């Protein structure tokens, strides 16, 4: 399936389907080759942004903001080819969304407070100063609030 078809389906689906689709797509594109902990961390950052209400009112709105997450930066022609990685991303997305419904004090946190991240194989963002909250795989996670 192409990225554009997947995202189109998410945008016309009810929120209960769209949220995990958009989050799984983000995990897949950003971290499919990373440790499981890093995949949860990517989901956590997206959901923390959603909870802040500064980045969008739905998971899809958050992850599709221009230049913020891979779904807005990767060609729509990209094929989701690695079924095993997609299935894992889907499970992590669903689990992360479930955990996000818990009271904050009961939620496990892989990257406490992190609301930004970048992969070391990309250009170093201007905002990436100081010590990251965590480094997992080839991603650094930061709290910029």
N, C-alpha and C. Protein backbone atom coordinates (compact mmCIF):
# COMPACT_ATOMS: atom_id res chain seq x y z
N UNK A 1 0.84 -1.17 0.00
CA UNK A 1 0.00 0.00 0.00
C UNK A 1 0.90 1.24 0.00
N UNK A 2 0.48 2.26 -0.73
CA UNK A 2 1.26 3.50 -0.75
C UNK A 2 0.93 4.35 0.47
N UNK A 3 1.87 5.20 0.83
CA UNK A 3 1.67 6.10 1.95
C UNK A 3 0.47 7.01 1.71
N UNK A 4 0.34 7.54 0.50
CA UNK A 4 -0.78 8.46 0.22
C UNK A 4 -2.13 7.76 0.37
N UNK A 5 -2.24 6.51 -0.06
CA UNK A 5 -3.50 5.78 0.08
C UNK A 5 -3.79 5.50 1.56
N UNK A 6 -2.78 5.12 2.29
CA UNK A 6 -2.94 4.85 3.72
C UNK A 6 -3.40 6.11 4.46
N UNK A 7 -2.76 7.22 4.19
CA UNK A 7 -3.14 8.47 4.88
C UNK A 7 -4.50 8.97 4.43
N UNK A 8 -4.84 8.79 3.16
CA UNK A 8 -6.17 9.16 2.70
C UNK A 8 -7.22 8.34 3.45
N UNK A 9 -6.98 7.02 3.59
CA UNK A 9 -7.92 6.16 4.31
C UNK A 9 -8.06 6.63 5.76
N UNK A 10 -6.95 7.02 6.37
CA UNK A 10 -7.00 7.50 7.76
C UNK A 10 -7.82 8.78 7.86
N UNK A 11 -7.71 9.64 6.88
CA UNK A 11 -8.40 10.93 6.95
C UNK A 11 -9.91 10.82 6.72
N UNK A 12 -10.36 9.72 6.12
CA UNK A 12 -11.80 9.54 5.92
C UNK A 12 -12.40 8.55 6.92
N UNK A 13 -11.55 7.90 7.70
CA UNK A 13 -12.02 6.91 8.68
C UNK A 13 -12.47 7.60 9.96
N UNK A 14 -13.28 6.91 10.75
CA UNK A 14 -13.62 7.47 12.06
C UNK A 14 -12.36 7.56 12.92
N UNK A 15 -12.37 8.45 13.89
CA UNK A 15 -11.20 8.70 14.74
C UNK A 15 -10.67 7.43 15.38
N UNK A 16 -11.55 6.51 15.75
CA UNK A 16 -11.11 5.28 16.40
C UNK A 16 -10.22 4.43 15.50
N UNK A 17 -10.34 4.60 14.21
CA UNK A 17 -9.47 3.89 13.25
C UNK A 17 -8.36 4.83 12.78
N UNK A 18 -8.70 6.09 12.55
CA UNK A 18 -7.71 7.05 12.02
C UNK A 18 -6.54 7.26 12.97
N UNK A 19 -6.82 7.39 14.27
CA UNK A 19 -5.74 7.65 15.23
C UNK A 19 -4.68 6.55 15.20
N UNK A 20 -5.04 5.28 15.34
CA UNK A 20 -3.99 4.26 15.28
C UNK A 20 -3.33 4.16 13.90
N UNK A 21 -4.08 4.44 12.83
CA UNK A 21 -3.47 4.39 11.49
C UNK A 21 -2.39 5.46 11.35
N UNK A 22 -2.70 6.67 11.76
CA UNK A 22 -1.73 7.76 11.64
C UNK A 22 -0.54 7.55 12.58
N UNK A 23 -0.81 7.07 13.79
CA UNK A 23 0.28 6.84 14.74
C UNK A 23 1.15 5.68 14.28
N UNK A 24 0.55 4.61 13.81
CA UNK A 24 1.32 3.46 13.30
C UNK A 24 2.15 3.88 12.09
N UNK A 25 1.59 4.70 11.22
CA UNK A 25 2.34 5.17 10.06
C UNK A 25 3.56 5.98 10.50
N UNK A 26 3.38 6.80 11.51
CA UNK A 26 4.49 7.61 12.02
C UNK A 26 5.56 6.71 12.63
N UNK A 27 5.15 5.76 13.44
CA UNK A 27 6.11 4.82 14.04
C UNK A 27 6.86 4.07 12.95
N UNK A 28 6.12 3.59 11.97
CA UNK A 28 6.73 2.82 10.88
C UNK A 28 7.77 3.68 10.13
N UNK A 29 7.38 4.88 9.76
CA UNK A 29 8.27 5.73 8.97
C UNK A 29 9.45 6.26 9.78
N UNK A 30 9.23 6.57 11.03
CA UNK A 30 10.27 7.19 11.85
C UNK A 30 11.19 6.17 12.51
N UNK A 31 10.65 5.00 12.86
CA UNK A 31 11.41 4.15 13.78
C UNK A 31 11.29 2.64 13.54
N UNK A 32 10.87 2.21 12.37
CA UNK A 32 10.68 0.78 12.17
C UNK A 32 11.96 -0.03 12.36
N UNK A 33 13.12 0.61 12.19
CA UNK A 33 14.39 -0.09 12.35
C UNK A 33 15.02 0.16 13.72
N UNK A 34 14.25 0.75 14.63
CA UNK A 34 14.74 1.09 15.96
C UNK A 34 14.27 0.07 16.99
N UNK A 35 14.89 0.08 18.17
CA UNK A 35 14.42 -0.80 19.24
C UNK A 35 12.96 -0.51 19.58
N UNK A 36 12.27 -1.48 20.14
CA UNK A 36 10.87 -1.31 20.52
C UNK A 36 10.71 -0.08 21.42
N UNK A 37 11.62 0.09 22.35
CA UNK A 37 11.56 1.24 23.25
C UNK A 37 11.57 2.56 22.46
N UNK A 38 12.35 2.62 21.40
CA UNK A 38 12.40 3.81 20.55
C UNK A 38 11.11 4.02 19.79
N UNK A 39 10.45 2.94 19.40
CA UNK A 39 9.17 3.06 18.72
C UNK A 39 8.10 3.58 19.67
N UNK A 40 8.11 3.08 20.90
CA UNK A 40 7.18 3.62 21.91
C UNK A 40 7.48 5.10 22.18
N UNK A 41 8.76 5.46 22.17
CA UNK A 41 9.15 6.85 22.43
C UNK A 41 8.61 7.78 21.34
N UNK A 42 8.67 7.37 20.09
CA UNK A 42 8.12 8.16 18.98
C UNK A 42 6.62 8.36 19.18
N UNK A 43 5.92 7.28 19.54
CA UNK A 43 4.48 7.38 19.79
C UNK A 43 4.21 8.32 20.96
N UNK A 44 5.03 8.22 21.99
CA UNK A 44 4.85 9.06 23.17
C UNK A 44 4.99 10.54 22.83
N UNK A 45 5.96 10.88 22.01
CA UNK A 45 6.15 12.29 21.61
C UNK A 45 4.92 12.78 20.85
N UNK A 46 4.44 12.00 19.89
CA UNK A 46 3.26 12.42 19.13
C UNK A 46 2.05 12.59 20.04
N UNK A 47 1.86 11.66 20.97
CA UNK A 47 0.70 11.74 21.86
C UNK A 47 0.85 12.87 22.89
N UNK A 48 2.07 13.15 23.29
CA UNK A 48 2.30 14.29 24.20
C UNK A 48 1.94 15.59 23.47
N UNK A 49 2.29 15.68 22.19
CA UNK A 49 1.93 16.87 21.42
C UNK A 49 0.41 16.99 21.29
N UNK A 50 -0.25 15.87 21.05
CA UNK A 50 -1.71 15.87 20.97
C UNK A 50 -2.31 16.37 22.28
N UNK A 51 -1.81 15.85 23.37
CA UNK A 51 -2.34 16.22 24.69
C UNK A 51 -2.13 17.70 25.00
N UNK A 52 -1.06 18.27 24.46
CA UNK A 52 -0.79 19.70 24.72
C UNK A 52 -1.80 20.61 24.02
N UNK A 53 -2.47 20.09 23.01
CA UNK A 53 -3.46 20.83 22.22
C UNK A 53 -2.85 21.97 21.40
N UNK A 54 -1.52 22.05 21.34
CA UNK A 54 -0.85 23.10 20.56
C UNK A 54 -0.53 22.66 19.14
N UNK A 55 -0.65 21.37 18.86
CA UNK A 55 -0.20 20.85 17.57
C UNK A 55 -1.32 20.25 16.73
N UNK A 56 -2.51 20.20 17.26
CA UNK A 56 -3.64 19.63 16.52
C UNK A 56 -4.59 18.92 17.46
N UNK A 57 -5.80 18.69 16.97
CA UNK A 57 -6.85 18.11 17.80
C UNK A 57 -6.99 16.61 17.63
N UNK A 58 -6.30 16.04 16.65
CA UNK A 58 -6.33 14.59 16.42
C UNK A 58 -4.91 14.12 16.20
N UNK A 59 -4.71 12.82 16.34
CA UNK A 59 -3.38 12.25 16.07
C UNK A 59 -2.96 12.58 14.65
N UNK A 60 -3.88 12.42 13.70
CA UNK A 60 -3.53 12.68 12.30
C UNK A 60 -3.13 14.14 12.09
N UNK A 61 -3.85 15.06 12.72
CA UNK A 61 -3.49 16.48 12.59
C UNK A 61 -2.10 16.74 13.14
N UNK A 62 -1.76 16.10 14.24
CA UNK A 62 -0.44 16.29 14.86
C UNK A 62 0.66 15.76 13.95
N UNK A 63 0.52 14.53 13.49
CA UNK A 63 1.63 13.91 12.73
C UNK A 63 1.70 14.39 11.29
N UNK A 64 0.64 15.02 10.81
CA UNK A 64 0.67 15.53 9.43
C UNK A 64 1.02 17.02 9.35
N UNK A 65 1.33 17.65 10.48
CA UNK A 65 1.79 19.04 10.42
C UNK A 65 3.04 19.10 9.56
N UNK A 66 3.11 20.02 8.64
CA UNK A 66 4.25 20.10 7.73
C UNK A 66 5.59 20.17 8.46
N UNK A 67 6.48 19.27 8.06
CA UNK A 67 7.85 19.28 8.56
C UNK A 67 8.05 18.76 9.96
N UNK A 68 7.03 18.21 10.59
CA UNK A 68 7.17 17.77 11.98
C UNK A 68 7.46 16.27 12.11
N UNK A 69 6.75 15.45 11.37
CA UNK A 69 6.92 14.00 11.42
C UNK A 69 7.03 13.47 10.00
N UNK A 70 7.57 12.28 9.86
CA UNK A 70 7.82 11.70 8.55
C UNK A 70 6.59 11.64 7.64
N UNK A 71 5.38 11.36 8.13
CA UNK A 71 4.25 11.30 7.19
C UNK A 71 4.06 12.57 6.36
N UNK A 72 4.51 13.71 6.87
CA UNK A 72 4.37 14.95 6.10
C UNK A 72 5.58 15.22 5.21
N UNK A 73 6.62 14.41 5.35
CA UNK A 73 7.87 14.69 4.62
C UNK A 73 8.26 13.62 3.61
N UNK A 74 7.67 12.44 3.71
CA UNK A 74 8.01 11.33 2.83
C UNK A 74 7.08 11.36 1.62
N UNK A 75 7.58 10.97 0.49
CA UNK A 75 6.76 10.93 -0.72
C UNK A 75 5.55 10.03 -0.52
N UNK A 76 4.41 10.49 -0.98
CA UNK A 76 3.18 9.70 -0.92
C UNK A 76 3.26 8.43 -1.73
N UNK A 77 4.24 8.34 -2.62
CA UNK A 77 4.41 7.15 -3.45
C UNK A 77 5.13 6.02 -2.71
N UNK A 78 5.67 6.34 -1.53
CA UNK A 78 6.40 5.33 -0.77
C UNK A 78 5.48 4.15 -0.47
N UNK A 79 6.00 2.98 -0.61
CA UNK A 79 5.26 1.75 -0.33
C UNK A 79 5.53 1.29 1.10
N UNK A 80 4.48 0.91 1.80
CA UNK A 80 4.62 0.26 3.10
C UNK A 80 4.86 -1.21 2.77
N UNK A 81 6.12 -1.62 2.78
CA UNK A 81 6.49 -2.96 2.29
C UNK A 81 6.77 -3.98 3.39
N UNK A 82 7.29 -3.54 4.49
CA UNK A 82 7.72 -4.47 5.54
C UNK A 82 6.52 -4.78 6.44
N UNK A 83 5.83 -5.87 6.13
CA UNK A 83 4.59 -6.21 6.85
C UNK A 83 4.85 -6.48 8.33
N UNK A 84 5.95 -7.12 8.64
CA UNK A 84 6.27 -7.40 10.04
C UNK A 84 6.47 -6.09 10.82
N UNK A 85 7.19 -5.15 10.22
CA UNK A 85 7.41 -3.85 10.87
C UNK A 85 6.10 -3.08 10.98
N UNK A 86 5.23 -3.16 9.96
CA UNK A 86 3.94 -2.49 10.02
C UNK A 86 3.08 -3.07 11.15
N UNK A 87 3.04 -4.39 11.24
CA UNK A 87 2.24 -5.04 12.29
C UNK A 87 2.73 -4.63 13.69
N UNK A 88 4.04 -4.57 13.85
CA UNK A 88 4.62 -4.15 15.14
C UNK A 88 4.25 -2.68 15.41
N UNK A 89 4.37 -1.81 14.41
CA UNK A 89 4.01 -0.40 14.57
C UNK A 89 2.54 -0.26 14.94
N UNK A 90 1.69 -1.06 14.32
CA UNK A 90 0.26 -1.02 14.63
C UNK A 90 0.02 -1.41 16.09
N UNK A 91 0.64 -2.50 16.55
CA UNK A 91 0.47 -2.94 17.93
C UNK A 91 0.94 -1.87 18.92
N UNK A 92 2.07 -1.26 18.62
CA UNK A 92 2.61 -0.21 19.49
C UNK A 92 1.69 1.01 19.48
N UNK A 93 1.15 1.36 18.33
CA UNK A 93 0.23 2.51 18.24
C UNK A 93 -1.02 2.25 19.07
N UNK A 94 -1.61 1.10 18.92
CA UNK A 94 -2.83 0.77 19.67
C UNK A 94 -2.54 0.75 21.17
N UNK A 95 -1.43 0.13 21.56
CA UNK A 95 -1.05 0.07 22.97
C UNK A 95 -0.78 1.47 23.52
N UNK A 96 -0.08 2.29 22.75
CA UNK A 96 0.23 3.66 23.19
C UNK A 96 -1.03 4.49 23.36
N UNK A 97 -1.97 4.35 22.44
CA UNK A 97 -3.24 5.07 22.56
C UNK A 97 -4.02 4.60 23.78
N UNK A 98 -3.97 3.31 24.06
CA UNK A 98 -4.64 2.77 25.26
C UNK A 98 -4.00 3.35 26.52
N UNK A 99 -2.67 3.34 26.57
CA UNK A 99 -1.96 3.87 27.74
C UNK A 99 -2.21 5.37 27.93
N UNK A 100 -2.37 6.09 26.83
CA UNK A 100 -2.61 7.54 26.90
C UNK A 100 -3.95 7.87 27.55
N UNK A 101 -4.84 6.90 27.62
CA UNK A 101 -6.15 7.11 28.26
C UNK A 101 -6.07 7.00 29.78
N UNK A 102 -4.97 6.45 30.30
CA UNK A 102 -4.80 6.33 31.75
C UNK A 102 -4.53 7.70 32.36
N UNK A 103 -4.84 7.86 33.64
CA UNK A 103 -4.44 9.10 34.31
C UNK A 103 -2.91 9.26 34.18
N UNK A 104 -2.46 10.48 34.02
CA UNK A 104 -1.05 10.74 33.75
C UNK A 104 -0.11 10.07 34.76
N UNK A 105 -0.48 10.05 36.01
CA UNK A 105 0.39 9.48 37.04
C UNK A 105 0.54 7.96 36.89
N UNK A 106 -0.35 7.33 36.14
CA UNK A 106 -0.31 5.88 35.96
C UNK A 106 0.32 5.46 34.64
N UNK A 107 0.62 6.41 33.78
CA UNK A 107 1.17 6.09 32.46
C UNK A 107 2.66 5.81 32.54
N UNK A 108 3.10 4.73 31.92
CA UNK A 108 4.55 4.54 31.81
C UNK A 108 5.10 5.57 30.82
N UNK A 109 6.34 5.99 31.02
CA UNK A 109 6.93 6.97 30.12
C UNK A 109 8.34 6.52 29.74
N UNK A 110 8.57 6.42 28.46
CA UNK A 110 9.89 6.05 27.95
C UNK A 110 10.79 7.28 27.89
N UNK A 111 10.20 8.40 27.49
CA UNK A 111 10.94 9.66 27.34
C UNK A 111 10.17 10.77 28.06
N UNK A 112 10.27 10.82 29.38
CA UNK A 112 9.47 11.77 30.17
C UNK A 112 9.63 13.21 29.70
N UNK A 113 8.50 13.82 29.37
CA UNK A 113 8.48 15.22 28.98
C UNK A 113 8.91 15.52 27.55
N UNK A 114 9.45 14.54 26.84
CA UNK A 114 9.94 14.81 25.48
C UNK A 114 8.79 15.16 24.54
N UNK A 115 8.99 16.24 23.79
CA UNK A 115 7.98 16.64 22.81
C UNK A 115 8.59 16.84 21.42
N UNK A 116 9.87 16.54 21.28
CA UNK A 116 10.57 16.60 20.00
C UNK A 116 11.60 15.47 19.94
N UNK A 117 11.95 15.07 18.75
CA UNK A 117 13.03 14.12 18.56
C UNK A 117 13.60 14.31 17.16
N UNK A 118 14.78 13.77 16.97
CA UNK A 118 15.33 13.73 15.62
C UNK A 118 16.21 12.50 15.49
N UNK A 119 16.38 12.06 14.27
CA UNK A 119 17.25 10.92 13.96
C UNK A 119 18.63 11.47 13.60
N UNK A 120 19.65 10.80 14.09
CA UNK A 120 21.02 11.26 13.85
C UNK A 120 21.40 11.30 12.37
N UNK A 121 20.69 10.53 11.53
CA UNK A 121 21.02 10.51 10.10
C UNK A 121 20.37 11.66 9.34
N UNK A 122 19.73 12.60 10.07
CA UNK A 122 19.15 13.80 9.45
C UNK A 122 20.01 15.00 9.83
N UNK A 123 19.67 16.11 9.29
CA UNK A 123 20.38 17.35 9.64
C UNK A 123 20.07 17.68 11.10
N UNK A 124 21.06 18.15 11.81
CA UNK A 124 20.87 18.52 13.21
C UNK A 124 19.96 19.74 13.29
N UNK A 125 18.78 19.60 13.91
CA UNK A 125 17.86 20.74 14.00
C UNK A 125 18.43 21.85 14.88
N UNK A 126 18.06 23.08 14.59
CA UNK A 126 18.52 24.22 15.39
C UNK A 126 18.08 24.12 16.85
N UNK A 127 16.94 23.49 17.07
CA UNK A 127 16.40 23.40 18.43
C UNK A 127 17.11 22.34 19.27
N UNK A 128 17.91 21.49 18.68
CA UNK A 128 18.55 20.38 19.40
C UNK A 128 19.79 20.87 20.14
N UNK A 129 19.56 21.56 21.24
CA UNK A 129 20.65 22.07 22.07
C UNK A 129 20.50 21.49 23.47
N UNK A 130 21.61 21.38 24.15
CA UNK A 130 21.58 20.84 25.50
C UNK A 130 21.52 19.33 25.49
N UNK A 131 21.21 18.80 26.63
CA UNK A 131 21.19 17.36 26.82
C UNK A 131 19.80 16.82 26.51
N UNK A 132 19.70 15.78 25.68
CA UNK A 132 18.39 15.20 25.41
C UNK A 132 17.84 14.48 26.64
N UNK A 133 16.53 14.33 26.67
CA UNK A 133 15.87 13.55 27.71
C UNK A 133 16.36 12.11 27.64
N UNK A 134 16.52 11.63 26.41
CA UNK A 134 16.97 10.26 26.19
C UNK A 134 17.53 10.13 24.78
N UNK A 135 18.38 9.16 24.62
CA UNK A 135 18.85 8.74 23.31
C UNK A 135 18.53 7.26 23.20
N UNK A 136 17.75 6.91 22.19
CA UNK A 136 17.35 5.52 21.99
C UNK A 136 17.63 5.19 20.53
N UNK A 137 18.42 4.16 20.30
CA UNK A 137 18.80 3.82 18.94
C UNK A 137 19.51 5.01 18.33
N UNK A 138 19.09 5.44 17.16
CA UNK A 138 19.72 6.61 16.54
C UNK A 138 18.81 7.84 16.59
N UNK A 139 18.01 7.94 17.66
CA UNK A 139 17.14 9.09 17.87
C UNK A 139 17.46 9.76 19.20
N UNK A 140 17.42 11.07 19.21
CA UNK A 140 17.57 11.86 20.45
C UNK A 140 16.23 12.53 20.71
N UNK A 141 15.79 12.49 21.98
CA UNK A 141 14.49 13.00 22.39
C UNK A 141 14.69 14.18 23.32
N UNK A 142 13.96 15.29 23.06
CA UNK A 142 14.14 16.54 23.79
C UNK A 142 12.81 17.05 24.32
N UNK A 143 12.89 17.76 25.44
CA UNK A 143 11.75 18.51 25.97
C UNK A 143 12.04 19.99 25.69
N UNK A 144 11.26 20.58 24.79
CA UNK A 144 11.47 21.99 24.43
C UNK A 144 10.49 22.93 25.10
N UNK A 145 9.63 22.42 25.92
CA UNK A 145 8.65 23.30 26.59
C UNK A 145 9.29 24.06 27.71
